[in-house]
N, C-alpha and C. Protein backbone atom coordinates (compact mmCIF):
# COMPACT_ATOMS: atom_id res chain seq x y z
N MET A 1 -27.67 -69.52 -81.01
CA MET A 1 -28.24 -69.90 -81.49
C MET A 1 -27.82 -70.52 -83.32
N SER A 2 -28.42 -70.86 -83.19
CA SER A 2 -27.98 -71.83 -84.96
C SER A 2 -28.30 -70.90 -86.47
N GLU A 3 -28.04 -71.27 -87.82
CA GLU A 3 -28.74 -70.50 -88.54
C GLU A 3 -29.80 -70.66 -88.71
N ALA A 4 -30.22 -71.82 -89.04
CA ALA A 4 -31.36 -72.27 -89.10
C ALA A 4 -32.27 -71.68 -88.11
N ALA A 5 -31.94 -71.30 -86.93
CA ALA A 5 -33.28 -70.60 -85.98
C ALA A 5 -32.92 -69.62 -85.89
N ASP A 6 -32.68 -68.65 -86.75
CA ASP A 6 -32.59 -67.25 -87.74
C ASP A 6 -32.57 -67.22 -87.80
N SER A 7 -33.47 -68.29 -88.32
CA SER A 7 -35.33 -67.71 -90.13
C SER A 7 -36.05 -67.35 -88.71
N ILE A 8 -35.98 -67.30 -87.79
CA ILE A 8 -37.75 -66.99 -87.14
C ILE A 8 -37.44 -66.15 -86.08
N ARG A 9 -38.21 -64.87 -86.81
CA ARG A 9 -37.81 -63.60 -85.99
C ARG A 9 -38.30 -63.21 -85.04
N LEU A 10 -40.03 -63.55 -84.60
CA LEU A 10 -40.87 -63.64 -84.22
C LEU A 10 -42.17 -64.66 -83.94
N ILE A 11 -41.81 -64.52 -81.78
CA ILE A 11 -41.98 -65.23 -80.93
C ILE A 11 -43.04 -65.69 -80.33
N VAL A 12 -44.09 -65.59 -80.53
CA VAL A 12 -44.90 -66.21 -79.60
C VAL A 12 -45.41 -66.91 -78.09
N VAL A 13 -45.74 -66.30 -77.31
CA VAL A 13 -44.80 -67.95 -75.67
C VAL A 13 -46.40 -67.23 -75.39
N MET A 14 -47.55 -68.02 -75.76
CA MET A 14 -48.80 -67.84 -75.65
C MET A 14 -49.95 -68.54 -74.53
N GLY A 15 -50.39 -68.64 -74.10
CA GLY A 15 -51.19 -69.22 -72.78
C GLY A 15 -52.95 -68.81 -71.70
N VAL A 16 -53.29 -69.99 -71.61
CA VAL A 16 -54.45 -68.94 -70.55
C VAL A 16 -53.12 -68.43 -69.51
N ALA A 17 -53.90 -66.93 -68.87
CA ALA A 17 -53.64 -66.41 -67.51
C ALA A 17 -53.47 -67.24 -67.10
N GLY A 18 -51.89 -66.72 -66.12
CA GLY A 18 -50.98 -67.70 -64.85
C GLY A 18 -50.16 -68.86 -65.79
N CYS A 19 -50.24 -69.22 -66.79
CA CYS A 19 -49.35 -70.78 -67.46
C CYS A 19 -47.85 -70.15 -67.31
N GLY A 20 -47.36 -68.77 -67.21
CA GLY A 20 -45.76 -68.82 -67.20
C GLY A 20 -46.11 -67.80 -68.36
N LYS A 21 -46.41 -67.26 -68.37
CA LYS A 21 -45.81 -66.44 -70.54
C LYS A 21 -44.91 -65.24 -70.56
N SER A 22 -45.38 -64.83 -69.20
CA SER A 22 -44.56 -63.67 -69.56
C SER A 22 -43.04 -64.17 -68.24
N THR A 23 -42.96 -64.71 -67.94
CA THR A 23 -41.68 -65.62 -67.20
C THR A 23 -40.88 -66.47 -68.68
N VAL A 24 -41.38 -66.98 -68.89
CA VAL A 24 -40.70 -67.74 -70.44
C VAL A 24 -40.66 -67.45 -70.91
N GLY A 25 -41.03 -66.30 -71.06
CA GLY A 25 -40.87 -66.09 -72.60
C GLY A 25 -39.58 -65.10 -72.16
N ALA A 26 -39.39 -64.15 -71.15
CA ALA A 26 -38.57 -62.83 -70.43
C ALA A 26 -37.18 -64.33 -70.19
N ALA A 27 -37.53 -65.19 -69.88
CA ALA A 27 -35.71 -65.72 -69.95
C ALA A 27 -35.51 -66.60 -71.45
N LEU A 28 -36.71 -67.11 -72.13
CA LEU A 28 -36.05 -67.50 -73.43
C LEU A 28 -35.75 -66.09 -74.04
N ALA A 29 -36.56 -64.55 -74.38
CA ALA A 29 -35.57 -63.88 -74.93
C ALA A 29 -34.28 -63.71 -73.87
N GLY A 30 -34.19 -63.55 -72.89
CA GLY A 30 -32.76 -64.34 -72.00
C GLY A 30 -32.20 -64.73 -72.89
N ARG A 31 -31.86 -65.45 -73.13
CA ARG A 31 -31.28 -67.06 -73.47
C ARG A 31 -31.65 -65.97 -74.97
N LEU A 32 -31.16 -65.76 -76.02
CA LEU A 32 -31.47 -65.24 -76.83
C LEU A 32 -31.07 -64.71 -77.01
N VAL A 33 -30.62 -63.83 -75.59
CA VAL A 33 -29.82 -62.44 -76.08
C VAL A 33 -30.80 -61.78 -77.24
N LYS A 34 -31.88 -61.41 -77.09
CA LYS A 34 -33.65 -61.26 -77.62
C LYS A 34 -34.09 -59.55 -77.20
N PRO A 35 -35.76 -58.71 -77.81
CA PRO A 35 -36.10 -57.92 -76.73
C PRO A 35 -37.18 -59.03 -76.88
N PHE A 36 -38.43 -58.25 -75.69
CA PHE A 36 -39.19 -59.49 -74.79
C PHE A 36 -39.86 -58.06 -74.72
N LEU A 37 -40.97 -58.35 -75.26
CA LEU A 37 -41.81 -57.97 -75.27
C LEU A 37 -43.31 -58.79 -74.33
N ASP A 38 -44.31 -58.13 -74.16
CA ASP A 38 -44.90 -58.72 -72.84
C ASP A 38 -46.54 -57.41 -73.10
N ALA A 39 -46.66 -58.33 -74.00
CA ALA A 39 -48.75 -57.77 -74.59
C ALA A 39 -49.04 -57.03 -72.91
N ASP A 40 -49.69 -57.51 -72.08
CA ASP A 40 -49.95 -57.03 -71.15
C ASP A 40 -49.81 -55.27 -71.32
N ASP A 41 -48.07 -55.13 -71.45
CA ASP A 41 -48.08 -53.82 -71.56
C ASP A 41 -48.58 -52.75 -73.48
N PHE A 42 -49.44 -53.34 -73.51
CA PHE A 42 -49.58 -52.91 -75.06
C PHE A 42 -51.49 -53.08 -74.60
N HIS A 43 -52.44 -53.39 -73.14
CA HIS A 43 -53.13 -52.39 -73.16
C HIS A 43 -53.94 -51.66 -72.63
N PRO A 44 -54.17 -50.94 -73.34
CA PRO A 44 -54.52 -49.26 -73.25
C PRO A 44 -55.33 -49.42 -71.90
N PRO A 45 -55.48 -48.70 -70.94
CA PRO A 45 -56.21 -47.71 -69.63
C PRO A 45 -57.37 -49.05 -69.43
N ALA A 46 -58.59 -49.43 -70.67
CA ALA A 46 -60.10 -49.14 -70.35
C ALA A 46 -59.69 -50.55 -70.54
N ASN A 47 -58.66 -52.07 -71.32
CA ASN A 47 -59.20 -52.60 -71.25
C ASN A 47 -58.40 -53.35 -69.98
N VAL A 48 -57.81 -53.28 -68.56
CA VAL A 48 -57.41 -53.33 -67.48
C VAL A 48 -57.47 -53.09 -66.58
N GLU A 49 -58.84 -52.00 -66.54
CA GLU A 49 -58.98 -51.58 -65.99
C GLU A 49 -60.75 -52.86 -66.17
N LYS A 50 -60.65 -53.41 -67.48
CA LYS A 50 -61.92 -53.88 -67.57
C LYS A 50 -62.21 -55.80 -66.39
N MET A 51 -60.36 -55.68 -66.92
CA MET A 51 -59.55 -56.78 -66.47
C MET A 51 -60.00 -57.02 -65.14
N SER A 52 -59.65 -55.75 -64.81
CA SER A 52 -59.35 -55.93 -63.26
C SER A 52 -61.18 -55.89 -62.44
N HIS A 53 -61.51 -55.50 -63.12
CA HIS A 53 -63.41 -56.27 -62.68
C HIS A 53 -63.03 -57.70 -62.68
N GLY A 54 -62.91 -57.99 -63.19
CA GLY A 54 -62.92 -59.44 -63.60
C GLY A 54 -64.32 -59.42 -64.78
N ILE A 55 -64.07 -58.28 -65.50
CA ILE A 55 -64.55 -58.40 -66.23
C ILE A 55 -64.49 -58.34 -67.77
N PRO A 56 -63.93 -60.09 -69.23
CA PRO A 56 -63.46 -60.31 -69.22
C PRO A 56 -63.53 -59.71 -71.49
N LEU A 57 -62.52 -59.02 -71.66
CA LEU A 57 -62.08 -58.74 -73.30
C LEU A 57 -63.26 -59.43 -73.72
N THR A 58 -64.00 -58.14 -75.15
CA THR A 58 -64.83 -57.67 -75.66
C THR A 58 -63.38 -58.87 -77.52
N ASP A 59 -63.84 -58.61 -78.23
CA ASP A 59 -63.05 -59.00 -79.34
C ASP A 59 -63.00 -57.77 -79.90
N ALA A 60 -63.30 -57.04 -80.21
CA ALA A 60 -63.45 -54.88 -79.78
C ALA A 60 -62.90 -54.41 -79.45
N ASP A 61 -61.93 -55.25 -77.58
CA ASP A 61 -61.61 -54.30 -77.17
C ASP A 61 -59.95 -55.67 -77.60
N ARG A 62 -60.00 -56.06 -78.43
CA ARG A 62 -58.44 -56.98 -78.09
C ARG A 62 -58.02 -56.87 -80.00
N TRP A 63 -59.22 -56.07 -80.85
CA TRP A 63 -58.15 -55.89 -81.62
C TRP A 63 -57.19 -55.21 -81.86
N PRO A 64 -57.40 -53.90 -80.91
CA PRO A 64 -55.85 -52.73 -81.33
C PRO A 64 -55.02 -53.15 -80.13
N TRP A 65 -55.14 -54.20 -79.42
CA TRP A 65 -53.77 -54.11 -78.15
C TRP A 65 -54.08 -55.38 -79.42
N LEU A 66 -54.30 -56.42 -79.20
CA LEU A 66 -52.86 -56.84 -80.94
C LEU A 66 -52.63 -56.41 -82.09
N ASP A 67 -53.05 -56.08 -82.56
CA ASP A 67 -52.08 -55.14 -83.45
C ASP A 67 -51.22 -53.94 -83.06
N ARG A 68 -51.57 -53.34 -81.51
CA ARG A 68 -50.36 -52.35 -81.24
C ARG A 68 -48.69 -53.92 -80.75
N LEU A 69 -49.26 -54.75 -81.01
CA LEU A 69 -48.60 -55.19 -80.54
C LEU A 69 -47.19 -56.06 -81.13
N ALA A 70 -48.42 -56.44 -82.42
CA ALA A 70 -47.68 -57.34 -83.33
C ALA A 70 -47.22 -56.08 -84.70
N GLU A 71 -46.58 -55.18 -84.76
CA GLU A 71 -46.14 -54.48 -85.27
C GLU A 71 -45.20 -53.27 -84.56
N ALA A 72 -44.81 -53.94 -83.11
CA ALA A 72 -43.94 -53.33 -81.83
C ALA A 72 -42.99 -54.72 -82.86
N MET A 73 -43.87 -55.93 -82.17
CA MET A 73 -42.33 -57.00 -82.16
C MET A 73 -42.03 -56.85 -84.21
N ARG A 74 -42.76 -56.85 -84.41
CA ARG A 74 -41.68 -56.77 -86.21
C ARG A 74 -40.46 -55.46 -86.37
N ASP A 75 -41.53 -54.36 -84.70
CA ASP A 75 -40.12 -52.74 -85.38
C ASP A 75 -38.47 -53.50 -84.63
N HIS A 76 -39.18 -54.06 -83.18
CA HIS A 76 -38.26 -54.64 -82.07
C HIS A 76 -37.65 -56.40 -83.51
N ALA A 77 -38.20 -56.47 -84.39
CA ALA A 77 -37.46 -57.63 -84.88
C ALA A 77 -36.70 -57.26 -85.99
N GLU A 78 -36.66 -55.64 -86.55
CA GLU A 78 -36.24 -55.03 -87.56
C GLU A 78 -35.19 -54.84 -87.23
N THR A 79 -34.80 -54.07 -86.35
CA THR A 79 -33.32 -53.68 -85.65
C THR A 79 -32.36 -54.97 -84.70
N ALA A 80 -33.38 -55.60 -83.96
CA ALA A 80 -32.90 -56.81 -83.57
C ALA A 80 -32.52 -58.68 -84.33
N GLY A 81 -33.50 -57.79 -85.07
CA GLY A 81 -33.69 -59.46 -86.26
C GLY A 81 -33.48 -61.25 -85.14
N MET A 82 -34.13 -60.57 -83.77
CA MET A 82 -36.12 -61.14 -83.98
C MET A 82 -36.61 -60.78 -82.46
N ALA A 83 -37.61 -60.40 -81.55
CA ALA A 83 -37.97 -60.40 -80.42
C ALA A 83 -38.92 -61.83 -80.18
N VAL A 84 -39.07 -61.67 -79.81
CA VAL A 84 -40.37 -62.55 -78.47
C VAL A 84 -41.62 -61.91 -77.19
N ALA A 85 -42.33 -62.04 -77.45
CA ALA A 85 -43.06 -61.71 -76.51
C ALA A 85 -44.15 -62.74 -76.53
N ALA A 86 -44.92 -62.66 -74.58
CA ALA A 86 -45.31 -62.82 -73.84
C ALA A 86 -46.62 -62.00 -74.52
N CYS A 87 -48.08 -62.98 -74.33
CA CYS A 87 -49.50 -62.75 -75.71
C CYS A 87 -50.08 -64.94 -75.47
N SER A 88 -50.83 -63.78 -74.67
CA SER A 88 -52.36 -64.97 -74.46
C SER A 88 -53.30 -65.55 -76.05
N ALA A 89 -53.08 -65.09 -76.34
CA ALA A 89 -53.59 -65.27 -77.53
C ALA A 89 -54.12 -66.68 -78.77
N LEU A 90 -55.20 -66.45 -77.30
CA LEU A 90 -55.89 -67.82 -77.58
C LEU A 90 -57.00 -68.94 -78.41
N ARG A 91 -57.42 -67.80 -79.24
CA ARG A 91 -57.66 -68.19 -80.25
C ARG A 91 -56.93 -68.13 -81.49
N ARG A 92 -57.54 -68.91 -82.67
CA ARG A 92 -56.86 -68.58 -83.41
C ARG A 92 -56.67 -67.73 -83.89
N ALA A 93 -58.26 -66.78 -84.65
CA ALA A 93 -58.12 -65.99 -84.51
C ALA A 93 -57.51 -65.12 -84.78
N TYR A 94 -56.70 -64.93 -83.50
CA TYR A 94 -56.86 -64.12 -82.80
C TYR A 94 -54.45 -63.68 -82.96
N ARG A 95 -54.29 -65.11 -83.07
CA ARG A 95 -52.99 -66.19 -84.13
C ARG A 95 -52.96 -64.19 -85.37
N GLU A 96 -54.52 -65.60 -85.58
CA GLU A 96 -54.18 -65.41 -87.08
C GLU A 96 -54.10 -63.56 -87.92
N ARG A 97 -54.40 -62.47 -86.45
CA ARG A 97 -54.27 -61.50 -86.35
C ARG A 97 -53.39 -60.97 -86.43
N LEU A 98 -52.66 -61.51 -85.36
CA LEU A 98 -51.32 -60.69 -85.31
C LEU A 98 -50.12 -61.33 -86.31
N VAL A 99 -50.36 -61.83 -86.65
CA VAL A 99 -49.10 -62.70 -87.85
C VAL A 99 -50.02 -61.66 -89.11
N ALA A 100 -51.25 -61.93 -89.40
CA ALA A 100 -51.71 -60.82 -90.68
C ALA A 100 -50.74 -58.76 -90.10
N THR A 101 -50.44 -58.93 -88.73
CA THR A 101 -50.10 -56.98 -88.49
C THR A 101 -48.63 -56.91 -89.09
N ALA A 102 -48.35 -57.39 -88.55
CA ALA A 102 -46.64 -58.35 -88.31
C ALA A 102 -46.67 -58.27 -89.70
N GLY A 103 -46.92 -59.34 -90.43
CA GLY A 103 -46.45 -59.09 -92.36
C GLY A 103 -45.80 -60.22 -92.86
N GLU A 104 -45.30 -61.76 -91.07
CA GLU A 104 -45.00 -62.67 -91.56
C GLU A 104 -44.40 -63.85 -90.63
N SER A 105 -44.83 -65.00 -90.35
CA SER A 105 -44.63 -65.86 -89.94
C SER A 105 -44.58 -66.66 -88.11
N ILE A 106 -45.04 -65.68 -87.43
CA ILE A 106 -45.04 -66.41 -85.95
C ILE A 106 -44.74 -67.59 -85.14
N LEU A 107 -43.56 -68.10 -84.91
CA LEU A 107 -44.08 -69.14 -83.92
C LEU A 107 -44.34 -68.60 -82.58
N PHE A 108 -45.68 -70.10 -82.63
CA PHE A 108 -46.83 -70.18 -81.63
C PHE A 108 -45.57 -70.66 -80.16
N VAL A 109 -45.47 -70.57 -79.40
CA VAL A 109 -45.34 -71.27 -78.76
C VAL A 109 -46.36 -71.61 -77.04
N PHE A 110 -46.73 -72.90 -77.30
CA PHE A 110 -47.57 -72.86 -75.87
C PHE A 110 -47.26 -73.11 -74.65
N LEU A 111 -48.21 -72.47 -74.39
CA LEU A 111 -47.80 -73.65 -73.09
C LEU A 111 -48.69 -74.00 -72.16
N GLN A 112 -49.35 -75.35 -72.26
CA GLN A 112 -49.92 -75.72 -71.12
C GLN A 112 -50.16 -76.90 -70.54
N GLY A 113 -51.12 -76.69 -69.45
CA GLY A 113 -50.85 -76.50 -68.16
C GLY A 113 -52.52 -77.06 -67.63
N SER A 114 -52.56 -77.81 -66.66
CA SER A 114 -54.01 -77.75 -65.81
C SER A 114 -54.50 -76.95 -65.25
N ARG A 115 -55.66 -76.86 -64.96
CA ARG A 115 -56.47 -75.39 -64.64
C ARG A 115 -56.80 -75.61 -63.60
N GLU A 116 -56.41 -76.86 -61.86
CA GLU A 116 -55.90 -76.35 -61.47
C GLU A 116 -54.22 -75.97 -60.71
N ILE A 117 -53.30 -75.90 -61.45
CA ILE A 117 -51.82 -76.30 -61.41
C ILE A 117 -51.68 -74.19 -61.88
N ILE A 118 -52.68 -73.67 -62.70
CA ILE A 118 -53.40 -72.71 -63.08
C ILE A 118 -53.41 -71.65 -62.13
N ALA A 119 -54.11 -72.47 -61.23
CA ALA A 119 -55.13 -71.99 -60.73
C ALA A 119 -54.44 -71.27 -59.24
N LYS A 120 -53.92 -72.04 -59.42
CA LYS A 120 -52.56 -72.55 -57.80
C LYS A 120 -52.25 -70.67 -58.53
N ARG A 121 -51.46 -71.44 -59.46
CA ARG A 121 -49.91 -70.31 -59.57
C ARG A 121 -50.69 -68.77 -59.80
N MET A 122 -52.07 -68.85 -60.34
CA MET A 122 -52.78 -67.21 -59.86
C MET A 122 -52.39 -67.26 -58.65
N ALA A 123 -53.79 -67.83 -57.37
CA ALA A 123 -53.68 -67.27 -56.10
C ALA A 123 -52.49 -67.20 -55.23
N ALA A 124 -51.55 -67.18 -56.14
CA ALA A 124 -50.48 -66.71 -55.23
C ALA A 124 -49.87 -66.38 -55.68
N ARG A 125 -50.00 -64.56 -56.91
CA ARG A 125 -49.80 -64.04 -57.49
C ARG A 125 -50.39 -62.39 -56.60
N THR A 126 -49.79 -61.97 -56.08
CA THR A 126 -49.98 -60.71 -56.28
C THR A 126 -50.15 -58.95 -57.06
N ASP A 127 -49.25 -59.17 -58.01
CA ASP A 127 -48.42 -58.72 -58.28
C ASP A 127 -49.84 -58.28 -59.55
N HIS A 128 -50.39 -58.70 -60.20
CA HIS A 128 -51.50 -58.88 -61.06
C HIS A 128 -52.26 -58.96 -61.25
N PHE A 129 -53.10 -57.64 -62.94
CA PHE A 129 -54.08 -57.05 -62.67
C PHE A 129 -55.35 -58.29 -62.43
N MET A 130 -55.07 -59.68 -63.12
CA MET A 130 -56.35 -60.47 -63.87
C MET A 130 -56.05 -60.79 -62.87
N PRO A 131 -57.19 -61.18 -62.46
CA PRO A 131 -58.09 -62.18 -60.79
C PRO A 131 -58.07 -63.29 -61.56
N THR A 132 -57.99 -64.27 -60.51
CA THR A 132 -58.33 -65.81 -60.55
C THR A 132 -59.32 -65.94 -61.21
N ALA A 133 -60.78 -65.21 -61.40
CA ALA A 133 -62.66 -65.01 -61.24
C ALA A 133 -62.25 -65.74 -63.09
N LEU A 134 -61.10 -64.69 -63.57
CA LEU A 134 -61.87 -65.02 -64.63
C LEU A 134 -60.71 -65.67 -65.39
N LEU A 135 -60.55 -67.45 -65.03
CA LEU A 135 -59.25 -68.00 -65.38
C LEU A 135 -60.17 -68.99 -66.24
N ALA A 136 -62.15 -69.60 -65.91
CA ALA A 136 -62.65 -69.79 -66.57
C ALA A 136 -63.37 -69.12 -67.96
N SER A 137 -63.39 -68.39 -67.35
CA SER A 137 -63.43 -67.58 -69.07
C SER A 137 -61.71 -67.46 -70.22
N GLN A 138 -60.84 -68.05 -69.17
CA GLN A 138 -59.54 -68.24 -69.94
C GLN A 138 -60.38 -69.39 -71.26
N PHE A 139 -60.42 -70.62 -69.91
CA PHE A 139 -59.72 -71.33 -70.48
C PHE A 139 -61.08 -71.81 -71.66
N ALA A 140 -62.79 -71.19 -71.63
CA ALA A 140 -63.38 -71.01 -72.47
C ALA A 140 -63.68 -70.54 -73.40
N THR A 141 -62.47 -69.78 -73.67
CA THR A 141 -62.35 -68.78 -74.85
C THR A 141 -60.87 -69.82 -76.20
N LEU A 142 -60.20 -70.62 -74.75
CA LEU A 142 -59.58 -71.13 -75.37
C LEU A 142 -59.73 -71.78 -76.34
N GLU A 143 -58.14 -72.23 -77.43
CA GLU A 143 -58.56 -72.56 -78.63
C GLU A 143 -56.56 -73.19 -79.56
N PRO A 144 -56.46 -74.07 -77.92
CA PRO A 144 -55.71 -74.85 -79.03
C PRO A 144 -54.65 -75.23 -80.23
N PRO A 145 -53.08 -74.38 -80.42
CA PRO A 145 -52.92 -74.46 -81.92
C PRO A 145 -53.23 -75.87 -83.03
N GLY A 146 -53.96 -75.22 -83.55
CA GLY A 146 -53.59 -76.99 -84.78
C GLY A 146 -53.06 -77.53 -85.27
N LYS A 147 -53.11 -77.74 -85.55
CA LYS A 147 -51.43 -78.87 -86.83
C LYS A 147 -51.06 -78.10 -87.57
N ASP A 148 -51.75 -77.36 -87.91
CA ASP A 148 -51.65 -76.53 -89.52
C ASP A 148 -50.91 -75.46 -89.43
N GLU A 149 -50.66 -74.95 -87.35
CA GLU A 149 -50.16 -73.73 -87.89
C GLU A 149 -48.93 -73.67 -86.54
N ASN A 150 -47.88 -73.11 -87.28
CA ASN A 150 -46.74 -72.39 -87.03
C ASN A 150 -46.68 -72.07 -85.13
N ALA A 151 -46.62 -74.01 -84.42
CA ALA A 151 -46.29 -73.35 -82.94
C ALA A 151 -46.14 -75.41 -82.54
N LEU A 152 -45.14 -74.37 -80.62
CA LEU A 152 -44.91 -75.66 -80.10
C LEU A 152 -45.22 -75.41 -79.02
N VAL A 153 -45.62 -76.57 -79.42
CA VAL A 153 -46.34 -76.93 -77.60
C VAL A 153 -45.95 -77.71 -76.23
N ILE A 154 -45.85 -76.87 -75.08
CA ILE A 154 -44.83 -77.42 -74.38
C ILE A 154 -45.39 -76.98 -72.98
N ASP A 155 -45.08 -78.01 -71.85
CA ASP A 155 -45.51 -78.72 -70.43
C ASP A 155 -45.04 -77.18 -69.74
N ILE A 156 -46.17 -77.33 -69.08
CA ILE A 156 -45.40 -76.26 -68.16
C ILE A 156 -44.96 -76.59 -66.83
N GLY A 157 -45.20 -78.12 -66.54
CA GLY A 157 -45.02 -78.25 -65.88
C GLY A 157 -43.07 -78.13 -64.87
N PRO A 158 -42.22 -78.28 -65.50
CA PRO A 158 -40.38 -77.96 -65.73
C PRO A 158 -40.49 -76.85 -64.86
N SER A 159 -39.45 -76.20 -64.95
CA SER A 159 -39.15 -75.51 -64.32
C SER A 159 -38.81 -74.13 -65.24
N VAL A 160 -38.81 -72.80 -65.11
CA VAL A 160 -38.76 -71.95 -66.10
C VAL A 160 -37.53 -72.32 -67.12
N ALA A 161 -36.23 -72.22 -66.38
CA ALA A 161 -34.12 -72.00 -67.56
C ALA A 161 -34.76 -73.87 -67.71
N THR A 162 -35.15 -74.87 -66.99
CA THR A 162 -35.70 -75.85 -68.52
C THR A 162 -36.80 -75.82 -68.97
N LEU A 163 -37.61 -75.15 -70.11
CA LEU A 163 -38.32 -75.13 -70.06
C LEU A 163 -38.08 -73.85 -71.11
N ALA A 164 -37.20 -72.57 -70.72
CA ALA A 164 -36.30 -72.01 -71.77
C ALA A 164 -35.68 -72.80 -72.89
N GLU A 165 -35.06 -73.44 -71.73
CA GLU A 165 -33.64 -74.17 -73.37
C GLU A 165 -34.51 -75.33 -73.60
N THR A 166 -35.81 -75.63 -73.04
CA THR A 166 -36.42 -76.88 -73.69
C THR A 166 -36.89 -76.02 -75.14
N ILE A 167 -37.53 -74.90 -75.22
CA ILE A 167 -38.22 -74.00 -75.97
C ILE A 167 -36.75 -73.87 -77.16
N HIS A 168 -35.72 -73.19 -76.81
CA HIS A 168 -34.85 -72.22 -77.33
C HIS A 168 -32.88 -73.91 -78.43
N ALA A 169 -33.84 -75.27 -78.34
CA ALA A 169 -33.43 -75.51 -78.62
C ALA A 169 -34.51 -76.86 -79.31
N ARG A 170 -35.24 -76.44 -79.30
CA ARG A 170 -36.48 -77.49 -80.52
C ARG A 170 -36.27 -75.96 -81.79
N LEU A 171 -35.77 -74.20 -80.80
CA LEU A 171 -36.28 -73.30 -82.26
C LEU A 171 -35.20 -73.53 -83.95
N SER A 172 -34.21 -74.46 -83.92
CA SER A 172 -33.61 -75.03 -84.83
C SER A 172 -34.52 -75.85 -85.30
N ASP A 173 -34.66 -77.57 -85.19
CA ASP A 173 -35.84 -78.11 -85.24
C ASP A 173 -37.25 -77.68 -86.32
N CYS A 174 -38.49 -76.17 -85.65
CA CYS A 174 -38.71 -75.26 -85.74
C CYS A 174 -38.81 -75.44 -87.47
N ALA A 175 -37.62 -73.85 -87.82
CA ALA A 175 -36.83 -72.94 -88.48
C ALA A 175 -36.52 -74.47 -89.11
N VAL A 176 -35.80 -75.51 -89.23
CA VAL A 176 -35.97 -76.35 -90.36
C VAL A 176 -36.82 -77.11 -91.29
N HIS A 177 -37.79 -77.01 -90.69
CA HIS A 177 -39.00 -77.84 -90.63
C HIS A 177 -40.21 -76.31 -91.44
N ARG A 178 -39.65 -75.60 -91.41
CA ARG A 178 -40.80 -74.35 -91.90
C ARG A 178 -40.05 -74.93 -93.06
N SER A 179 -39.17 -74.24 -92.85
CA SER A 179 -37.56 -73.59 -94.20
C SER A 179 -38.24 -74.89 -95.18
N LYS A 180 -38.64 -76.18 -95.44
CA LYS A 180 -39.28 -77.65 -96.29
C LYS A 180 -40.31 -78.00 -96.65
N LYS A 181 -41.28 -76.14 -95.97
CA LYS A 181 -42.84 -76.28 -96.53
C LYS A 181 -43.19 -75.16 -98.25
């Protein structure tokens, strides 16, 4: 990793359920040799229960979950220099909450894909609590990152290895751009 990319300490791979956040985030963290955190692991049992039954989470459900994730990312970055997480972060308010709780900038990597491709991927999953029935609510909630946000937009079409390589290659550009602000 280049010296410029070293200035990026926190990365969140984001997008709707089924877009590949966890898989791509873990591959990127492996490429960077940095810790990976899956936001799903930070949900309290009540959130998992709601989603398992096809009930979308409310903001009141999400705030403590986002706070726990941001604190864990910050703590991991303190010891490892950087942390990569997978988190839906669908709304701007959620991304702002993560940044505020972390107390520093976060690079958001938005995995963008069509509803059809993502629905096929979700239908093929057998080991996840998020049912395909909630995909519509995910797209309805989604507020893609604005041009003023610290974000990369990545199409989910290529292989996981290619996506991780592309994101890794673009980290230096992001760090250099950030340092010029």
